[in-house]
Each structure stands twice: as structure tokens, then as C-alpha cells.
Amino acid sequence: MSEVHQAITAHVQKQHAVLKKFAMLDAERERHIEEAVERCRRGEPFTVELINEVTKQMNELAKGGLVPARRYVTPEMVRDYVSRLEGKRPPQGNREDGQHARA
């Protein structure tokens, strides 16, 4: 029985490590999103590169099925989000595919 207990313990520890890493990456991703949003609000140039680097790492973790995948962020998504925050809704169909996306 001890072998089974050790296997279960190792499995739970591995899942805990994945959850901990995911939470850390999620916080980092949110910081990068907030920075891009603030820069956009001030009319300054911004990039989604760091956001998507972290998103890629999160999505690698998500392949294990324990944590959810995250969407990659586009500059248009950031601009749309800022417009909504400021109460200025962009016109319908402003994206090529006609969909609105959230950052």
C-alpha cells in the first residue's frame, strides 16, 4: 500500500506545482495586460508581445488538462477594451471577422 500512497502523493505534488505555476503566470499576464491598457489609455505605443509570451507558457501547462487555456491577445483587443472602459463602444463589425474580443 505504501507504493500506491507514494504514487498518489507524487501525483498531487505535481498537480500542485502546475497550479502554483499557472497562478504565477496568470498574475504576470494580468500585469502585462494592465500595462498595455494603461499605455493605450494614455495614447502611448504598446505591445502585446509579453502578454502572449506568458499566454504561450500558460497554454503549455493547459495541455495537461488541469488548468484552462488562455486566448492570445491582439492590439485590437486592447484598444476595444480601452474603448469599453472609457464608455466609447467601437462600432459593430470593427474586426475583420465581425467579432468583438475581450483582452
Protein backbone atom coordinates (compact mmCIF):
# COMPACT_ATOMS: atom_id res chain seq x y z
CA MET A 1 0.00 0.00 0.00
CA SER A 2 2.90 2.34 0.63
CA GLU A 3 3.81 2.31 -3.07
CA VAL A 4 0.30 3.44 -4.02
CA HIS A 5 0.43 6.17 -1.37
CA GLN A 6 3.75 7.42 -2.73
CA ALA A 7 2.39 7.46 -6.28
CA ILE A 8 -0.68 9.43 -5.22
CA THR A 9 1.43 11.86 -3.20
CA ALA A 10 3.77 12.42 -6.17
CA HIS A 11 0.79 12.99 -8.47
CA VAL A 12 -0.81 15.51 -6.11
CA GLN A 13 2.50 17.33 -5.67
CA LYS A 14 2.90 17.55 -9.43
CA GLN A 15 -0.63 18.95 -9.81
CA HIS A 16 0.04 21.46 -7.04
CA ALA A 17 3.20 22.62 -8.81
CA VAL A 18 1.24 23.10 -12.06
CA LEU A 19 -1.47 25.09 -10.26
CA LYS A 20 1.12 27.24 -8.49
CA LYS A 21 2.99 27.95 -11.74
CA PHE A 22 -0.28 28.73 -13.53
CA ALA A 23 -1.32 31.20 -10.80
CA MET A 24 2.07 32.92 -11.01
CA LEU A 25 1.85 33.17 -14.80
CA ASP A 26 -1.75 34.40 -14.61
CA ALA A 27 -0.71 37.23 -12.28
CA GLU A 28 2.20 38.11 -14.59
CA ARG A 29 -0.11 38.08 -17.63
CA GLU A 30 -2.58 40.38 -15.86
CA ARG A 31 0.23 42.82 -15.03
CA HIS A 32 1.26 42.92 -18.68
CA ILE A 33 -2.35 43.42 -19.77
CA GLU A 34 -2.80 46.27 -17.27
CA GLU A 35 0.38 47.90 -18.54
CA ALA A 36 -0.77 47.66 -22.18
CA VAL A 37 -4.20 49.03 -21.25
CA GLU A 38 -2.70 51.98 -19.36
CA ARG A 39 -0.32 52.80 -22.20
CA CYS A 40 -3.19 52.61 -24.69
CA ARG A 41 -5.36 54.85 -22.48
CA ARG A 42 -2.57 57.46 -22.45
CA GLY A 43 -2.23 57.22 -26.24
CA GLU A 44 1.25 55.74 -25.96
CA PRO A 45 2.56 52.90 -28.11
CA PHE A 46 2.06 49.46 -26.58
CA THR A 47 2.76 45.87 -27.43
CA VAL A 48 1.08 42.56 -26.64
CA GLU A 49 4.30 40.61 -27.06
CA LEU A 50 4.95 40.00 -23.34
CA ILE A 51 1.30 39.14 -22.74
CA ASN A 52 1.42 36.49 -25.44
CA GLU A 53 4.77 35.07 -24.29
CA VAL A 54 3.18 34.39 -20.91
CA THR A 55 -0.01 33.14 -22.59
CA LYS A 56 2.06 30.62 -24.52
CA GLN A 57 3.55 29.29 -21.29
CA MET A 58 0.08 29.08 -19.72
CA ASN A 59 -1.27 27.21 -22.72
CA GLU A 60 1.59 24.72 -22.50
CA LEU A 61 0.52 23.99 -18.92
CA ALA A 62 -3.10 23.74 -20.08
CA LYS A 63 -2.23 20.83 -22.37
CA GLY A 64 -2.16 18.67 -19.25
CA GLY A 65 -5.87 19.32 -18.75
CA LEU A 66 -5.61 20.66 -15.19
CA VAL A 67 -5.75 24.37 -15.99
CA PRO A 68 -7.61 26.34 -18.68
CA ALA A 69 -6.03 27.68 -21.85
CA ARG A 70 -5.93 31.44 -22.37
CA ARG A 71 -6.57 33.39 -25.55
CA TYR A 72 -3.77 35.23 -27.27
CA VAL A 73 -4.24 38.99 -27.14
CA THR A 74 -4.16 41.32 -30.15
CA PRO A 75 -3.60 45.08 -30.12
CA GLU A 76 -7.17 45.44 -31.38
CA MET A 77 -8.46 43.59 -28.32
CA VAL A 78 -6.62 46.05 -26.06
CA ARG A 79 -8.00 49.05 -27.98
CA ASP A 80 -11.54 47.62 -27.84
CA TYR A 81 -11.23 47.03 -24.11
CA VAL A 82 -9.98 50.57 -23.50
CA SER A 83 -12.88 51.92 -25.58
CA ARG A 84 -15.33 49.99 -23.41
CA LEU A 85 -13.65 51.22 -20.23
CA GLU A 86 -13.96 54.79 -21.41
CA GLY A 87 -17.58 54.28 -22.37
CA LYS A 88 -16.89 54.57 -26.07
CA ARG A 89 -18.16 51.43 -27.72
CA PRO A 90 -16.46 50.73 -31.05
CA PRO A 91 -18.83 50.28 -33.98
CA GLN A 92 -20.09 46.75 -34.66
CA GLY A 93 -18.02 44.70 -37.05
CA ASN A 94 -14.81 46.59 -36.38
CA ARG A 95 -12.78 43.39 -36.67
CA GLU A 96 -12.24 41.55 -39.89
CA ASP A 97 -14.21 38.54 -38.63
CA GLY A 98 -17.05 40.71 -37.27
CA GLN A 99 -16.50 39.50 -33.71
CA HIS A 100 -15.61 41.50 -30.64
CA ALA A 101 -12.98 40.07 -28.34
CA ARG A 102 -12.02 40.59 -24.73
CA ALA A 103 -8.46 41.03 -23.54
